[in-house]
PDB file of N, CA and C in Angstrom:
ATOM      1  N   UNK A   1      44.665  65.453  12.018  1.00  0.00           N
ATOM      2  CA  UNK A   1      45.022  66.793  11.568  1.00  0.00           C
ATOM      3  C   UNK A   1      46.270  66.781  10.679  1.00  0.00           C
ATOM      4  N   UNK A   2      47.142  65.802  10.864  1.00  0.00           N
ATOM      5  CA  UNK A   2      48.365  65.742  10.061  1.00  0.00           C
ATOM      6  C   UNK A   2      48.026  65.584   8.579  1.00  0.00           C
ATOM      7  N   UNK A   3      46.982  64.803   8.274  1.00  0.00           N
ATOM      8  CA  UNK A   3      46.582  64.617   6.882  1.00  0.00           C
ATOM      9  C   UNK A   3      46.108  65.947   6.290  1.00  0.00           C
ATOM     10  N   UNK A   4      45.324  66.685   7.039  1.00  0.00           N
ATOM     11  CA  UNK A   4      44.822  67.982   6.579  1.00  0.00           C
ATOM     12  C   UNK A   4      45.976  68.937   6.290  1.00  0.00           C
ATOM     13  N   UNK A   5      46.895  69.083   7.254  1.00  0.00           N
ATOM     14  CA  UNK A   5      48.016  70.008   7.081  1.00  0.00           C
ATOM     15  C   UNK A   5      48.951  69.563   5.959  1.00  0.00           C
ATOM     16  N   UNK A   6      49.124  68.265   5.826  1.00  0.00           N
ATOM     17  CA  UNK A   6      49.956  67.747   4.742  1.00  0.00           C
ATOM     18  C   UNK A   6      49.370  68.130   3.391  1.00  0.00           C
ATOM     19  N   UNK A   7      48.094  67.885   3.209  1.00  0.00           N
ATOM     20  CA  UNK A   7      47.444  68.181   1.931  1.00  0.00           C
ATOM     21  C   UNK A   7      47.399  69.686   1.679  1.00  0.00           C
ATOM     22  N   UNK A   8      47.112  70.469   2.709  1.00  0.00           N
ATOM     23  CA  UNK A   8      47.095  71.927   2.549  1.00  0.00           C
ATOM     24  C   UNK A   8      48.473  72.442   2.127  1.00  0.00           C
ATOM     25  N   UNK A   9      49.528  71.968   2.783  1.00  0.00           N
ATOM     26  CA  UNK A   9      50.883  72.389   2.413  1.00  0.00           C
ATOM     27  C   UNK A   9      51.252  71.920   1.007  1.00  0.00           C
ATOM     28  N   UNK A  10      50.782  70.750   0.615  1.00  0.00           N
ATOM     29  CA  UNK A  10      51.035  70.275  -0.745  1.00  0.00           C
ATOM     30  C   UNK A  10      50.325  71.151  -1.775  1.00  0.00           C
ATOM     31  N   UNK A  11      49.132  71.608  -1.468  1.00  0.00           N
ATOM     32  CA  UNK A  11      48.411  72.506  -2.374  1.00  0.00           C
ATOM     33  C   UNK A  11      49.172  73.827  -2.516  1.00  0.00           C
ATOM     34  N   UNK A  12      49.568  74.414  -1.390  1.00  0.00           N
ATOM     35  CA  UNK A  12      50.309  75.678  -1.432  1.00  0.00           C
ATOM     36  C   UNK A  12      51.630  75.483  -2.174  1.00  0.00           C
ATOM     37  N   UNK A  13      52.306  74.385  -1.881  1.00  0.00           N
ATOM     38  CA  UNK A  13      53.568  74.071  -2.544  1.00  0.00           C
ATOM     39  C   UNK A  13      53.384  73.993  -4.054  1.00  0.00           C
ATOM     40  N   UNK A  14      52.330  73.342  -4.488  1.00  0.00           N
ATOM     41  CA  UNK A  14      52.091  73.187  -5.918  1.00  0.00           C
ATOM     42  C   UNK A  14      51.700  74.488  -6.597  1.00  0.00           C
ATOM     43  N   UNK A  15      51.073  75.384  -5.877  1.00  0.00           N
ATOM     44  CA  UNK A  15      50.793  76.707  -6.439  1.00  0.00           C
ATOM     45  C   UNK A  15      52.119  77.411  -6.736  1.00  0.00           C
ATOM     46  N   UNK A  16      53.022  77.401  -5.755  1.00  0.00           N
ATOM     47  CA  UNK A  16      54.333  78.017  -5.975  1.00  0.00           C
ATOM     48  C   UNK A  16      55.114  77.301  -7.074  1.00  0.00           C
ATOM     49  N   UNK A  17      55.040  75.965  -7.108  1.00  0.00           N
ATOM     50  CA  UNK A  17      55.757  75.206  -8.124  1.00  0.00           C
ATOM     51  C   UNK A  17      55.271  75.582  -9.523  1.00  0.00           C
ATOM     52  N   UNK A  18      53.962  75.658  -9.689  1.00  0.00           N
ATOM     53  CA  UNK A  18      53.400  76.002 -10.992  1.00  0.00           C
ATOM     54  C   UNK A  18      53.805  77.417 -11.397  1.00  0.00           C
ATOM     55  N   UNK A  19      53.789  78.335 -10.433  1.00  0.00           N
ATOM     56  CA  UNK A  19      54.235  79.696 -10.733  1.00  0.00           C
ATOM     57  C   UNK A  19      55.719  79.724 -11.095  1.00  0.00           C
ATOM     58  N   UNK A  20      56.527  78.936 -10.395  1.00  0.00           N
ATOM     59  CA  UNK A  20      57.965  78.910 -10.677  1.00  0.00           C
ATOM     60  C   UNK A  20      58.240  78.329 -12.059  1.00  0.00           C
ATOM     61  N   UNK A  21      57.523  77.282 -12.419  1.00  0.00           N
ATOM     62  CA  UNK A  21      57.789  76.602 -13.685  1.00  0.00           C
ATOM     63  C   UNK A  21      57.177  77.306 -14.883  1.00  0.00           C
ATOM     64  N   UNK A  22      55.976  77.868 -14.724  1.00  0.00           N
ATOM     65  CA  UNK A  22      55.243  78.402 -15.869  1.00  0.00           C
ATOM     66  C   UNK A  22      54.877  79.870 -15.739  1.00  0.00           C
ATOM     67  N   UNK A  23      55.056  80.447 -14.569  1.00  0.00           N
ATOM     68  CA  UNK A  23      54.677  81.844 -14.348  1.00  0.00           C
ATOM     69  C   UNK A  23      55.407  82.824 -15.242  1.00  0.00           C
ATOM     70  N   UNK A  24      56.672  82.530 -15.560  1.00  0.00           N
ATOM     71  CA  UNK A  24      57.432  83.451 -16.410  1.00  0.00           C
ATOM     72  C   UNK A  24      56.806  83.601 -17.793  1.00  0.00           C
ATOM     73  N   UNK A  25      56.068  82.585 -18.237  1.00  0.00           N
ATOM     74  CA  UNK A  25      55.387  82.691 -19.525  1.00  0.00           C
ATOM     75  C   UNK A  25      54.281  83.742 -19.468  1.00  0.00           C
ATOM     76  N   UNK A  26      53.582  83.798 -18.341  1.00  0.00           N
ATOM     77  CA  UNK A  26      52.537  84.806 -18.171  1.00  0.00           C
ATOM     78  C   UNK A  26      53.152  86.172 -17.897  1.00  0.00           C
ATOM     79  N   UNK A  27      54.313  86.180 -17.209  1.00  0.00           N
ATOM     80  CA  UNK A  27      54.984  87.456 -16.954  1.00  0.00           C
ATOM     81  C   UNK A  27      55.343  88.158 -18.264  1.00  0.00           C
ATOM     82  N   UNK A  28      55.634  87.388 -19.298  1.00  0.00           N
ATOM     83  CA  UNK A  28      55.904  87.970 -20.617  1.00  0.00           C
ATOM     84  C   UNK A  28      54.646  88.639 -21.167  1.00  0.00           C
ATOM     85  N   UNK A  29      53.512  87.971 -21.041  1.00  0.00           N
ATOM     86  CA  UNK A  29      52.252  88.547 -21.518  1.00  0.00           C
ATOM     87  C   UNK A  29      51.923  89.836 -20.785  1.00  0.00           C
ATOM     88  N   UNK A  30      52.235  89.870 -19.497  1.00  0.00           N
ATOM     89  CA  UNK A  30      51.932  91.047 -18.679  1.00  0.00           C
ATOM     90  C   UNK A  30      52.998  92.137 -18.811  1.00  0.00           C
ATOM     91  N   UNK A  31      54.029  91.856 -19.587  1.00  0.00           N
ATOM     92  CA  UNK A  31      55.133  92.791 -19.820  1.00  0.00           C
ATOM     93  C   UNK A  31      55.958  93.053 -18.557  1.00  0.00           C
ATOM     94  N   UNK A  32      55.934  92.107 -17.597  1.00  0.00           N
ATOM     95  CA  UNK A  32      56.790  92.218 -16.412  1.00  0.00           C
ATOM     96  C   UNK A  32      58.223  91.860 -16.782  1.00  0.00           C
ATOM     97  N   UNK A  33      58.336  90.935 -17.729  1.00  0.00           N
ATOM     98  CA  UNK A  33      59.613  90.594 -18.334  1.00  0.00           C
ATOM     99  C   UNK A  33      59.381  90.517 -19.832  1.00  0.00           C
ATOM    100  N   UNK A  34      60.458  90.489 -20.597  1.00  0.00           N
ATOM    101  CA  UNK A  34      60.296  90.418 -22.052  1.00  0.00           C
ATOM    102  C   UNK A  34      61.054  89.215 -22.598  1.00  0.00           C
ATOM    103  N   UNK A  35      60.892  88.974 -23.876  1.00  0.00           N
ATOM    104  CA  UNK A  35      61.619  87.888 -24.537  1.00  0.00           C
ATOM    105  C   UNK A  35      63.121  88.122 -24.493  1.00  0.00           C
ATOM    106  N   UNK A  36      63.511  89.378 -24.296  1.00  0.00           N
ATOM    107  CA  UNK A  36      64.933  89.707 -24.264  1.00  0.00           C
ATOM    108  C   UNK A  36      65.507  89.714 -22.847  1.00  0.00           C
ATOM    109  N   UNK A  37      64.672  89.474 -21.850  1.00  0.00           N
ATOM    110  CA  UNK A  37      65.178  89.361 -20.476  1.00  0.00           C
ATOM    111  C   UNK A  37      66.159  88.200 -20.440  1.00  0.00           C
ATOM    112  N   UNK A  38      67.344  88.430 -19.897  1.00  0.00           N
ATOM    113  CA  UNK A  38      68.328  87.340 -19.862  1.00  0.00           C
ATOM    114  C   UNK A  38      67.774  86.101 -19.146  1.00  0.00           C
ATOM    115  N   UNK A  39      68.085  84.948 -19.705  1.00  0.00           N
ATOM    116  CA  UNK A  39      67.584  83.693 -19.149  1.00  0.00           C
ATOM    117  C   UNK A  39      67.980  83.532 -17.684  1.00  0.00           C
ATOM    118  N   UNK A  40      69.176  83.963 -17.311  1.00  0.00           N
ATOM    119  CA  UNK A  40      69.616  83.829 -15.923  1.00  0.00           C
ATOM    120  C   UNK A  40      68.704  84.612 -14.976  1.00  0.00           C
ATOM    121  N   UNK A  41      68.192  85.749 -15.418  1.00  0.00           N
ATOM    122  CA  UNK A  41      67.263  86.538 -14.599  1.00  0.00           C
ATOM    123  C   UNK A  41      65.960  85.768 -14.405  1.00  0.00           C
ATOM    124  N   UNK A  42      65.463  85.186 -15.486  1.00  0.00           N
ATOM    125  CA  UNK A  42      64.220  84.405 -15.413  1.00  0.00           C
ATOM    126  C   UNK A  42      64.425  83.198 -14.493  1.00  0.00           C
ATOM    127  N   UNK A  43      65.579  82.553 -14.605  1.00  0.00           N
ATOM    128  CA  UNK A  43      65.885  81.400 -13.745  1.00  0.00           C
ATOM    129  C   UNK A  43      65.940  81.824 -12.284  1.00  0.00           C
ATOM    130  N   UNK A  44      66.590  82.949 -11.996  1.00  0.00           N
ATOM    131  CA  UNK A  44      66.686  83.413 -10.605  1.00  0.00           C
ATOM    132  C   UNK A  44      65.314  83.777 -10.034  1.00  0.00           C
ATOM    133  N   UNK A  45      64.459  84.380 -10.849  1.00  0.00           N
ATOM    134  CA  UNK A  45      63.084  84.662 -10.405  1.00  0.00           C
ATOM    135  C   UNK A  45      62.376  83.344 -10.082  1.00  0.00           C
ATOM    136  N   UNK A  46      62.503  82.372 -10.978  1.00  0.00           N
ATOM    137  CA  UNK A  46      61.861  81.072 -10.760  1.00  0.00           C
ATOM    138  C   UNK A  46      62.412  80.384  -9.520  1.00  0.00           C
ATOM    139  N   UNK A  47      63.712  80.465  -9.303  1.00  0.00           N
ATOM    140  CA  UNK A  47      64.304  79.876  -8.095  1.00  0.00           C
ATOM    141  C   UNK A  47      63.768  80.530  -6.827  1.00  0.00           C
ATOM    142  N   UNK A  48      63.589  81.842  -6.877  1.00  0.00           N
ATOM    143  CA  UNK A  48      63.031  82.536  -5.718  1.00  0.00           C
ATOM    144  C   UNK A  48      61.627  82.052  -5.388  1.00  0.00           C
ATOM    145  N   UNK A  49      60.839  81.845  -6.431  1.00  0.00           N
ATOM    146  CA  UNK A  49      59.486  81.326  -6.231  1.00  0.00           C
ATOM    147  C   UNK A  49      59.545  79.871  -5.766  1.00  0.00           C
ATOM    148  N   UNK A  50      60.457  79.091  -6.362  1.00  0.00           N
ATOM    149  CA  UNK A  50      60.579  77.673  -6.006  1.00  0.00           C
ATOM    150  C   UNK A  50      61.039  77.499  -4.556  1.00  0.00           C
ATOM    151  N   UNK A  51      61.780  78.453  -4.022  1.00  0.00           N
ATOM    152  CA  UNK A  51      62.172  78.374  -2.611  1.00  0.00           C
ATOM    153  C   UNK A  51      60.932  78.298  -1.723  1.00  0.00           C
ATOM    154  N   UNK A  52      59.910  79.072  -2.077  1.00  0.00           N
ATOM    155  CA  UNK A  52      58.660  79.023  -1.305  1.00  0.00           C
ATOM    156  C   UNK A  52      57.984  77.657  -1.457  1.00  0.00           C
ATOM    157  N   UNK A  53      58.118  77.079  -2.653  1.00  0.00           N
ATOM    158  CA  UNK A  53      57.573  75.729  -2.858  1.00  0.00           C
ATOM    159  C   UNK A  53      58.219  74.748  -1.887  1.00  0.00           C
ATOM    160  N   UNK A  54      59.538  74.782  -1.819  1.00  0.00           N
ATOM    161  CA  UNK A  54      60.253  73.852  -0.947  1.00  0.00           C
ATOM    162  C   UNK A  54      59.946  74.103   0.525  1.00  0.00           C
ATOM    163  N   UNK A  55      59.697  75.348   0.878  1.00  0.00           N
ATOM    164  CA  UNK A  55      59.356  75.678   2.270  1.00  0.00           C
ATOM    165  C   UNK A  55      58.024  75.057   2.681  1.00  0.00           C
ATOM    166  N   UNK A  56      57.206  74.685   1.716  1.00  0.00           N
ATOM    167  CA  UNK A  56      55.933  74.004   2.000  1.00  0.00           C
ATOM    168  C   UNK A  56      56.030  72.508   1.733  1.00  0.00           C
ATOM    169  N   UNK A  57      56.711  72.135   0.650  1.00  0.00           N
ATOM    170  CA  UNK A  57      56.787  70.733   0.238  1.00  0.00           C
ATOM    171  C   UNK A  57      57.520  69.866   1.262  1.00  0.00           C
ATOM    172  N   UNK A  58      58.658  70.330   1.716  1.00  0.00           N
ATOM    173  CA  UNK A  58      59.459  69.516   2.643  1.00  0.00           C
ATOM    174  C   UNK A  58      58.709  69.274   3.955  1.00  0.00           C
ATOM    175  N   UNK A  59      58.146  70.305   4.590  1.00  0.00           N
ATOM    176  CA  UNK A  59      57.377  70.028   5.815  1.00  0.00           C
ATOM    177  C   UNK A  59      56.154  69.135   5.576  1.00  0.00           C
ATOM    178  N   UNK A  60      55.506  69.306   4.421  1.00  0.00           N
ATOM    179  CA  UNK A  60      54.347  68.464   4.109  1.00  0.00           C
ATOM    180  C   UNK A  60      54.751  67.002   4.060  1.00  0.00           C
ATOM    181  N   UNK A  61      55.843  66.711   3.369  1.00  0.00           N
ATOM    182  CA  UNK A  61      56.295  65.325   3.274  1.00  0.00           C
ATOM    183  C   UNK A  61      56.784  64.785   4.612  1.00  0.00           C
ATOM    184  N   UNK A  62      57.461  65.614   5.379  1.00  0.00           N
ATOM    185  CA  UNK A  62      57.961  65.155   6.680  1.00  0.00           C
ATOM    186  C   UNK A  62      56.804  64.831   7.631  1.00  0.00           C
ATOM    187  N   UNK A  63      55.813  65.721   7.694  1.00  0.00           N
ATOM    188  CA  UNK A  63      54.719  65.481   8.642  1.00  0.00           C
ATOM    189  C   UNK A  63      53.730  64.443   8.120  1.00  0.00           C
ATOM    190  N   UNK A  64      53.654  64.283   6.800  1.00  0.00           N
ATOM    191  CA  UNK A  64      52.699  63.330   6.239  1.00  0.00           C
ATOM    192  C   UNK A  64      53.203  61.904   6.168  1.00  0.00           C
ATOM    193  N   UNK A  65      54.522  61.723   6.177  1.00  0.00           N
ATOM    194  CA  UNK A  65      55.123  60.398   6.014  1.00  0.00           C
ATOM    195  C   UNK A  65      54.934  59.549   7.264  1.00  0.00           C
ATOM    196  N   UNK A  66      54.445  58.324   7.078  1.00  0.00           N
ATOM    197  CA  UNK A  66      54.163  57.453   8.230  1.00  0.00           C
ATOM    198  C   UNK A  66      55.423  57.147   9.040  1.00  0.00           C
ATOM    199  N   UNK A  67      56.594  57.184   8.423  1.00  0.00           N
ATOM    200  CA  UNK A  67      57.845  56.961   9.147  1.00  0.00           C
ATOM    201  C   UNK A  67      58.140  58.055  10.161  1.00  0.00           C
ATOM    202  N   UNK A  68      57.484  59.198   9.993  1.00  0.00           N
ATOM    203  CA  UNK A  68      57.614  60.308  10.944  1.00  0.00           C
ATOM    204  C   UNK A  68      56.348  60.481  11.777  1.00  0.00           C
ATOM    205  N   UNK A  69      55.491  59.489  11.769  1.00  0.00           N
ATOM    206  CA  UNK A  69      54.257  59.568  12.536  1.00  0.00           C
ATOM    207  C   UNK A  69      53.063  60.077  11.751  1.00  0.00           C
ATOM    208  N   UNK A  70      53.240  60.320  10.466  1.00  0.00           N
ATOM    209  CA  UNK A  70      52.145  60.816   9.638  1.00  0.00           C
ATOM    210  C   UNK A  70      51.254  59.693   9.135  1.00  0.00           C
ATOM    211  N   UNK A  71      50.193  60.060   8.428  1.00  0.00           N
ATOM    212  CA  UNK A  71      49.211  59.067   8.001  1.00  0.00           C
ATOM    213  C   UNK A  71      49.482  58.401   6.650  1.00  0.00           C
ATOM    214  N   UNK A  72      50.492  58.850   5.883  1.00  0.00           N
ATOM    215  CA  UNK A  72      50.650  58.393   4.511  1.00  0.00           C
ATOM    216  C   UNK A  72      51.946  57.628   4.279  1.00  0.00           C
ATOM    217  N   UNK A  73      51.866  56.626   3.394  1.00  0.00           N
ATOM    218  CA  UNK A  73      53.085  55.970   2.930  1.00  0.00           C
ATOM    219  C   UNK A  73      53.752  56.899   1.911  1.00  0.00           C
ATOM    220  N   UNK A  74      54.974  56.579   1.572  1.00  0.00           N
ATOM    221  CA  UNK A  74      55.688  57.379   0.581  1.00  0.00           C
ATOM    222  C   UNK A  74      54.962  57.345  -0.763  1.00  0.00           C
ATOM    223  N   UNK A  75      54.486  56.185  -1.163  1.00  0.00           N
ATOM    224  CA  UNK A  75      53.758  56.062  -2.427  1.00  0.00           C
ATOM    225  C   UNK A  75      52.469  56.892  -2.394  1.00  0.00           C
ATOM    226  N   UNK A  76      51.759  56.864  -1.283  1.00  0.00           N
ATOM    227  CA  UNK A  76      50.542  57.656  -1.172  1.00  0.00           C
ATOM    228  C   UNK A  76      50.847  59.150  -1.255  1.00  0.00           C
ATOM    229  N   UNK A  77      51.901  59.593  -0.591  1.00  0.00           N
ATOM    230  CA  UNK A  77      52.289  61.000  -0.657  1.00  0.00           C
ATOM    231  C   UNK A  77      52.557  61.426  -2.094  1.00  0.00           C
ATOM    232  N   UNK A  78      53.274  60.594  -2.826  1.00  0.00           N
ATOM    233  CA  UNK A  78      53.624  60.936  -4.205  1.00  0.00           C
ATOM    234  C   UNK A  78      52.393  61.007  -5.096  1.00  0.00           C
ATOM    235  N   UNK A  79      51.486  60.067  -4.972  1.00  0.00           N
ATOM    236  CA  UNK A  79      50.284  60.073  -5.808  1.00  0.00           C
ATOM    237  C   UNK A  79      49.384  61.252  -5.439  1.00  0.00           C
ATOM    238  N   UNK A  80      49.265  61.561  -4.152  1.00  0.00           N
ATOM    239  CA  UNK A  80      48.501  62.740  -3.728  1.00  0.00           C
ATOM    240  C   UNK A  80      49.110  63.995  -4.343  1.00  0.00           C
ATOM    241  N   UNK A  81      50.433  64.102  -4.261  1.00  0.00           N
ATOM    242  CA  UNK A  81      51.134  65.269  -4.798  1.00  0.00           C
ATOM    243  C   UNK A  81      50.904  65.395  -6.298  1.00  0.00           C
ATOM    244  N   UNK A  82      50.951  64.298  -7.023  1.00  0.00           N
ATOM    245  CA  UNK A  82      50.741  64.342  -8.474  1.00  0.00           C
ATOM    246  C   UNK A  82      49.309  64.747  -8.812  1.00  0.00           C
ATOM    247  N   UNK A  83      48.349  64.246  -8.056  1.00  0.00           N
ATOM    248  CA  UNK A  83      46.948  64.620  -8.299  1.00  0.00           C
ATOM    249  C   UNK A  83      46.751  66.112  -8.039  1.00  0.00           C
ATOM    250  N   UNK A  84      47.322  66.609  -6.956  1.00  0.00           N
ATOM    251  CA  UNK A  84      47.230  68.040  -6.643  1.00  0.00           C
ATOM    252  C   UNK A  84      47.912  68.858  -7.733  1.00  0.00           C
ATOM    253  N   UNK A  85      49.065  68.400  -8.194  1.00  0.00           N
ATOM    254  CA  UNK A  85      49.790  69.109  -9.248  1.00  0.00           C
ATOM    255  C   UNK A  85      48.934  69.257 -10.494  1.00  0.00           C
ATOM    256  N   UNK A  86      48.277  68.192 -10.904  1.00  0.00           N
ATOM    257  CA  UNK A  86      47.452  68.248 -12.104  1.00  0.00           C
ATOM    258  C   UNK A  86      46.276  69.203 -11.922  1.00  0.00           C
ATOM    259  N   UNK A  87      45.668  69.185 -10.762  1.00  0.00           N
ATOM    260  CA  UNK A  87      44.534  70.086 -10.498  1.00  0.00           C
ATOM    261  C   UNK A  87      44.993  71.538 -10.520  1.00  0.00           C
ATOM    262  N   UNK A  88      46.076  71.841  -9.799  1.00  0.00           N
ATOM    263  CA  UNK A  88      46.585  73.215  -9.740  1.00  0.00           C
ATOM    264  C   UNK A  88      47.006  73.676 -11.126  1.00  0.00           C
ATOM    265  N   UNK A  89      47.718  72.816 -11.859  1.00  0.00           N
ATOM    266  CA  UNK A  89      48.162  73.189 -13.206  1.00  0.00           C
ATOM    267  C   UNK A  89      46.972  73.452 -14.119  1.00  0.00           C
ATOM    268  N   UNK A  90      45.939  72.640 -14.033  1.00  0.00           N
ATOM    269  CA  UNK A  90      44.758  72.819 -14.875  1.00  0.00           C
ATOM    270  C   UNK A  90      44.074  74.144 -14.568  1.00  0.00           C
ATOM    271  N   UNK A  91      43.892  74.446 -13.296  1.00  0.00           N
ATOM    272  CA  UNK A  91      43.271  75.719 -12.914  1.00  0.00           C
ATOM    273  C   UNK A  91      44.134  76.883 -13.405  1.00  0.00           C
ATOM    274  N   UNK A  92      45.441  76.799 -13.183  1.00  0.00           N
ATOM    275  CA  UNK A  92      46.371  77.840 -13.619  1.00  0.00           C
ATOM    276  C   UNK A  92      46.272  78.059 -15.132  1.00  0.00           C
ATOM    277  N   UNK A  93      46.261  76.974 -15.878  1.00  0.00           N
ATOM    278  CA  UNK A  93      46.221  77.069 -17.336  1.00  0.00           C
ATOM    279  C   UNK A  93      44.921  77.686 -17.820  1.00  0.00           C
ATOM    280  N   UNK A  94      43.809  77.235 -17.275  1.00  0.00           N
ATOM    281  CA  UNK A  94      42.505  77.729 -17.718  1.00  0.00           C
ATOM    282  C   UNK A  94      42.300  79.196 -17.313  1.00  0.00           C
ATOM    283  N   UNK A  95      42.761  79.563 -16.118  1.00  0.00           N
ATOM    284  CA  UNK A  95      42.550  80.926 -15.627  1.00  0.00           C
ATOM    285  C   UNK A  95      43.512  81.922 -16.283  1.00  0.00           C
ATOM    286  N   UNK A  96      44.788  81.574 -16.351  1.00  0.00           N
ATOM    287  CA  UNK A  96      45.787  82.544 -16.802  1.00  0.00           C
ATOM    288  C   UNK A  96      46.127  82.469 -18.291  1.00  0.00           C
ATOM    289  N   UNK A  97      45.915  81.328 -18.905  1.00  0.00           N
ATOM    290  CA  UNK A  97      46.197  81.182 -20.326  1.00  0.00           C
ATOM    291  C   UNK A  97      44.888  80.875 -21.037  1.00  0.00           C
ATOM    292  N   UNK A  98      44.178  81.918 -21.380  1.00  0.00           N
ATOM    293  CA  UNK A  98      42.820  81.794 -21.926  1.00  0.00           C
ATOM    294  C   UNK A  98      42.758  80.984 -23.215  1.00  0.00           C
ATOM    295  N   UNK A  99      43.836  80.913 -23.976  1.00  0.00           N
ATOM    296  CA  UNK A  99      43.828  80.186 -25.234  1.00  0.00           C
ATOM    297  C   UNK A  99      43.856  78.676 -25.071  1.00  0.00           C
ATOM    298  N   UNK A 100      44.233  78.204 -23.891  1.00  0.00           N
ATOM    299  CA  UNK A 100      44.298  76.765 -23.645  1.00  0.00           C
ATOM    300  C   UNK A 100      42.895  76.249 -23.322  1.00  0.00           C
ATOM    301  N   UNK A 101      42.563  75.108 -23.878  1.00  0.00           N
ATOM    302  CA  UNK A 101      41.239  74.539 -23.657  1.00  0.00           C
ATOM    303  C   UNK A 101      41.363  73.107 -23.148  1.00  0.00           C
ATOM    304  N   UNK A 102      40.368  72.714 -22.384  1.00  0.00           N
ATOM    305  CA  UNK A 102      40.294  71.327 -21.924  1.00  0.00           C
ATOM    306  C   UNK A 102      39.512  70.517 -22.941  1.00  0.00           C
ATOM    307  N   UNK A 103      39.992  69.309 -23.189  1.00  0.00           N
ATOM    308  CA  UNK A 103      39.336  68.418 -24.132  1.00  0.00           C
ATOM    309  C   UNK A 103      38.984  67.114 -23.425  1.00  0.00           C
ATOM    310  N   UNK A 104      38.275  66.244 -24.130  1.00  0.00           N
ATOM    311  CA  UNK A 104      37.806  64.990 -23.530  1.00  0.00           C
ATOM    312  C   UNK A 104      38.969  64.164 -22.997  1.00  0.00           C
ATOM    313  N   UNK A 105      40.104  64.171 -23.692  1.00  0.00           N
ATOM    314  CA  UNK A 105      41.237  63.349 -23.252  1.00  0.00           C
ATOM    315  C   UNK A 105      41.832  63.867 -21.945  1.00  0.00           C
ATOM    316  N   UNK A 106      41.714  65.170 -21.699  1.00  0.00           N
ATOM    317  CA  UNK A 106      42.167  65.709 -20.417  1.00  0.00           C
ATOM    318  C   UNK A 106      41.285  65.168 -19.287  1.00  0.00           C
ATOM    319  N   UNK A 107      39.987  65.151 -19.530  1.00  0.00           N
ATOM    320  CA  UNK A 107      39.073  64.618 -18.518  1.00  0.00           C
ATOM    321  C   UNK A 107      39.304  63.117 -18.307  1.00  0.00           C
ATOM    322  N   UNK A 108      39.598  62.395 -19.379  1.00  0.00           N
ATOM    323  CA  UNK A 108      39.916  60.969 -19.255  1.00  0.00           C
ATOM    324  C   UNK A 108      41.165  60.783 -18.401  1.00  0.00           C
ATOM    325  N   UNK A 109      42.158  61.647 -18.605  1.00  0.00           N
ATOM    326  CA  UNK A 109      43.379  61.583 -17.788  1.00  0.00           C
ATOM    327  C   UNK A 109      43.069  61.876 -16.332  1.00  0.00           C
ATOM    328  N   UNK A 110      42.176  62.832 -16.071  1.00  0.00           N
ATOM    329  CA  UNK A 110      41.794  63.135 -14.688  1.00  0.00           C
ATOM    330  C   UNK A 110      41.154  61.926 -14.023  1.00  0.00           C
ATOM    331  N   UNK A 111      40.292  61.249 -14.760  1.00  0.00           N
ATOM    332  CA  UNK A 111      39.646  60.046 -14.222  1.00  0.00           C
ATOM    333  C   UNK A 111      40.704  58.990 -13.888  1.00  0.00           C
ATOM    334  N   UNK A 112      41.675  58.824 -14.770  1.00  0.00           N
ATOM    335  CA  UNK A 112      42.758  57.858 -14.506  1.00  0.00           C
ATOM    336  C   UNK A 112      43.545  58.244 -13.265  1.00  0.00           C
ATOM    337  N   UNK A 113      43.783  59.535 -13.082  1.00  0.00           N
ATOM    338  CA  UNK A 113      44.522  59.980 -11.902  1.00  0.00           C
ATOM    339  C   UNK A 113      43.714  59.756 -10.627  1.00  0.00           C
ATOM    340  N   UNK A 114      42.429  60.007 -10.696  1.00  0.00           N
ATOM    341  CA  UNK A 114      41.564  59.736  -9.534  1.00  0.00           C
ATOM    342  C   UNK A 114      41.590  58.249  -9.217  1.00  0.00           C
ATOM    343  N   UNK A 115      41.560  57.423 -10.250  1.00  0.00           N
ATOM    344  CA  UNK A 115      41.663  55.976 -10.035  1.00  0.00           C
ATOM    345  C   UNK A 115      43.011  55.613  -9.425  1.00  0.00           C
ATOM    346  N   UNK A 116      44.074  56.299  -9.836  1.00  0.00           N
ATOM    347  CA  UNK A 116      45.396  56.044  -9.257  1.00  0.00           C
ATOM    348  C   UNK A 116      45.390  56.338  -7.760  1.00  0.00           C
ATOM    349  N   UNK A 117      44.761  57.429  -7.374  1.00  0.00           N
ATOM    350  CA  UNK A 117      44.659  57.773  -5.947  1.00  0.00           C
ATOM    351  C   UNK A 117      43.865  56.683  -5.224  1.00  0.00           C
ATOM    352  N   UNK A 118      42.771  56.255  -5.821  1.00  0.00           N
ATOM    353  CA  UNK A 118      41.945  55.202  -5.226  1.00  0.00           C
ATOM    354  C   UNK A 118      42.773  53.934  -5.035  1.00  0.00           C
ATOM    355  N   UNK A 119      43.476  53.507  -6.087  1.00  0.00           N
ATOM    356  CA  UNK A 119      44.227  52.254  -6.013  1.00  0.00           C
ATOM    357  C   UNK A 119      45.388  52.327  -5.042  1.00  0.00           C
ATOM    358  N   UNK A 120      46.043  53.465  -4.928  1.00  0.00           N
ATOM    359  CA  UNK A 120      47.180  53.568  -4.027  1.00  0.00           C
ATOM    360  C   UNK A 120      46.742  53.495  -2.552  1.00  0.00           C
ATOM    361  N   UNK A 121      45.487  53.831  -2.287  1.00  0.00           N
ATOM    362  CA  UNK A 121      44.985  53.756  -0.918  1.00  0.00           C
ATOM    363  C   UNK A 121      44.281  52.432  -0.611  1.00  0.00           C
ATOM    364  N   UNK A 122      44.117  51.572  -1.626  1.00  0.00           N
ATOM    365  CA  UNK A 122      43.492  50.277  -1.392  1.00  0.00           C
ATOM    366  C   UNK A 122      44.388  49.412  -0.516  1.00  0.00           C
ATOM    367  N   UNK A 123      43.792  48.659   0.347  1.00  0.00           N
ATOM    368  CA  UNK A 123      44.551  47.729   1.210  1.00  0.00           C
ATOM    369  C   UNK A 123      44.679  46.397   0.525  1.00  0.00           C
TER     370      UNK A 123
END
């Protein structure tokens, strides 16, 4: 069950991370903020969202790390997190930024990332 909860928390964490890093760009489109909104305000909004990321990321890493009784090595945790990040970012980009398109090289990169996950779990 630790593997399941670790991965679930990493997914939730990455949703918040993507919103914290790139959500303000969509907030401009939705007119929630404008180009003239002070940068410090945008940073504080992003920090507030990123706090939720850390509230999921830190427990995921603590419970998933084999040094704490979890099923994953540190390297495995990092590669899992990167794969999840790419998936969440891709979904976010395609859903919220309609002008962005996926091309063959993006799919090639996904295949490489899947291979990275495979290789990091090889004994």
